[in-house]
Amino acid sequence: MRELLRTTDPVRLSFLTALLRDASIEPLMLDVYVSAVEGSIGAFPKRLMVDEEDYDRAIRLLVDAGEYW
């Protein structure tokens, strides 16, 4: 697994997850439970991960969508 990005923005995570799934890339979100433990105040970023073989295609997809810098 490789990390695409870290963010505390749940809307962005939802959008990027849908974007990746539409391209047949199944993402994994890490650190979701840390957020729940800290009271869901958004202080800890969540990590969006993809399989190693999907990483290059996922990065291109995010760049094309203007979501990766």
C-alpha atoms as a PDB file:
ATOM      1  CA  MET A   1       0.000   0.000   0.000  1.00  0.00           C
ATOM      2  CA  ARG A   2       1.114   3.546  -0.710  1.00  0.00           C
ATOM      3  CA  GLU A   3      -0.181   6.799   0.668  1.00  0.00           C
ATOM      4  CA  LEU A   4      -1.823   9.207  -1.758  1.00  0.00           C
ATOM      5  CA  LEU A   5      -2.493  11.979   0.730  1.00  0.00           C
ATOM      6  CA  ARG A   6      -3.379  12.996   4.289  1.00  0.00           C
ATOM      7  CA  THR A   7      -6.200  15.352   5.101  1.00  0.00           C
ATOM      8  CA  THR A   8      -8.693  16.280   7.790  1.00  0.00           C
ATOM      9  CA  ASP A   9     -11.293  17.289   5.181  1.00  0.00           C
ATOM     10  CA  PRO A  10     -14.051  14.633   5.138  1.00  0.00           C
ATOM     11  CA  VAL A  11     -15.669  16.086   2.009  1.00  0.00           C
ATOM     12  CA  ARG A  12     -12.401  15.865   0.064  1.00  0.00           C
ATOM     13  CA  LEU A  13     -11.856  12.293   1.262  1.00  0.00           C
ATOM     14  CA  SER A  14     -15.347  11.312   0.171  1.00  0.00           C
ATOM     15  CA  PHE A  15     -14.879  12.925  -3.261  1.00  0.00           C
ATOM     16  CA  LEU A  16     -11.474  11.313  -3.825  1.00  0.00           C
ATOM     17  CA  THR A  17     -12.722   7.916  -2.691  1.00  0.00           C
ATOM     18  CA  ALA A  18     -15.588   8.120  -5.200  1.00  0.00           C
ATOM     19  CA  LEU A  19     -13.221   9.334  -7.939  1.00  0.00           C
ATOM     20  CA  LEU A  20     -10.849   6.430  -7.363  1.00  0.00           C
ATOM     21  CA  ARG A  21     -13.621   3.845  -7.172  1.00  0.00           C
ATOM     22  CA  ASP A  22     -15.096   5.141 -10.441  1.00  0.00           C
ATOM     23  CA  ALA A  23     -11.698   4.374 -11.994  1.00  0.00           C
ATOM     24  CA  SER A  24     -11.781   0.831 -10.511  1.00  0.00           C
ATOM     25  CA  ILE A  25      -9.163   1.672  -7.889  1.00  0.00           C
ATOM     26  CA  GLU A  26     -10.173   0.538  -4.412  1.00  0.00           C
ATOM     27  CA  PRO A  27      -8.762   2.963  -1.829  1.00  0.00           C
ATOM     28  CA  LEU A  28      -8.228   2.300   1.848  1.00  0.00           C
ATOM     29  CA  MET A  29      -8.589   5.010   4.470  1.00  0.00           C
ATOM     30  CA  LEU A  30      -6.327   4.739   7.508  1.00  0.00           C
ATOM     31  CA  ASP A  31      -6.481   6.505  10.873  1.00  0.00           C
ATOM     32  CA  VAL A  32     -10.284   6.650  10.831  1.00  0.00           C
ATOM     33  CA  TYR A  33     -10.511   5.222  14.345  1.00  0.00           C
ATOM     34  CA  VAL A  34      -7.979   7.682  15.744  1.00  0.00           C
ATOM     35  CA  SER A  35     -10.383  10.400  14.673  1.00  0.00           C
ATOM     36  CA  ALA A  36     -13.227   8.688  16.538  1.00  0.00           C
ATOM     37  CA  VAL A  37     -11.140   8.314  19.698  1.00  0.00           C
ATOM     38  CA  GLU A  38     -10.135  11.990  19.716  1.00  0.00           C
ATOM     39  CA  GLY A  39     -13.774  13.029  19.599  1.00  0.00           C
ATOM     40  CA  SER A  40     -14.164  13.677  15.855  1.00  0.00           C
ATOM     41  CA  ILE A  41     -12.850  17.229  16.130  1.00  0.00           C
ATOM     42  CA  GLY A  42     -10.749  16.766  12.991  1.00  0.00           C
ATOM     43  CA  ALA A  43      -7.373  17.273  14.643  1.00  0.00           C
ATOM     44  CA  PHE A  44      -5.826  14.110  13.196  1.00  0.00           C
ATOM     45  CA  PRO A  45      -5.585  13.641   9.425  1.00  0.00           C
ATOM     46  CA  LYS A  46      -6.753  10.481   7.738  1.00  0.00           C
ATOM     47  CA  ARG A  47      -4.532   8.758   5.153  1.00  0.00           C
ATOM     48  CA  LEU A  48      -5.867   7.726   1.751  1.00  0.00           C
ATOM     49  CA  MET A  49      -4.011   4.633   0.521  1.00  0.00           C
ATOM     50  CA  VAL A  50      -4.013   2.524  -2.656  1.00  0.00           C
ATOM     51  CA  ASP A  51      -2.317  -0.690  -3.731  1.00  0.00           C
ATOM     52  CA  GLU A  52       1.208  -0.300  -5.043  1.00  0.00           C
ATOM     53  CA  GLU A  53       0.169  -1.374  -8.557  1.00  0.00           C
ATOM     54  CA  ASP A  54      -2.570   1.306  -8.677  1.00  0.00           C
ATOM     55  CA  TYR A  55      -0.440   4.141  -7.275  1.00  0.00           C
ATOM     56  CA  ASP A  56       0.807   5.746 -10.525  1.00  0.00           C
ATOM     57  CA  ARG A  57      -2.631   5.632 -12.115  1.00  0.00           C
ATOM     58  CA  ALA A  58      -4.222   7.045  -8.944  1.00  0.00           C
ATOM     59  CA  ILE A  59      -1.751   9.949  -8.849  1.00  0.00           C
ATOM     60  CA  ARG A  60      -2.471  10.763 -12.516  1.00  0.00           C
ATOM     61  CA  LEU A  61      -6.194  10.660 -11.788  1.00  0.00           C
ATOM     62  CA  LEU A  62      -5.843  13.058  -8.847  1.00  0.00           C
ATOM     63  CA  VAL A  63      -3.598  15.407 -10.837  1.00  0.00           C
ATOM     64  CA  ASP A  64      -6.084  15.460 -13.734  1.00  0.00           C
ATOM     65  CA  ALA A  65      -8.874  16.271 -11.266  1.00  0.00           C
ATOM     66  CA  GLY A  66      -6.810  19.120  -9.764  1.00  0.00           C
ATOM     67  CA  GLU A  67      -6.679  17.370  -6.395  1.00  0.00           C
ATOM     68  CA  TYR A  68      -2.967  16.639  -6.100  1.00  0.00           C
ATOM     69  CA  TRP A  69      -0.173  19.177  -5.775  1.00  0.00           C
END
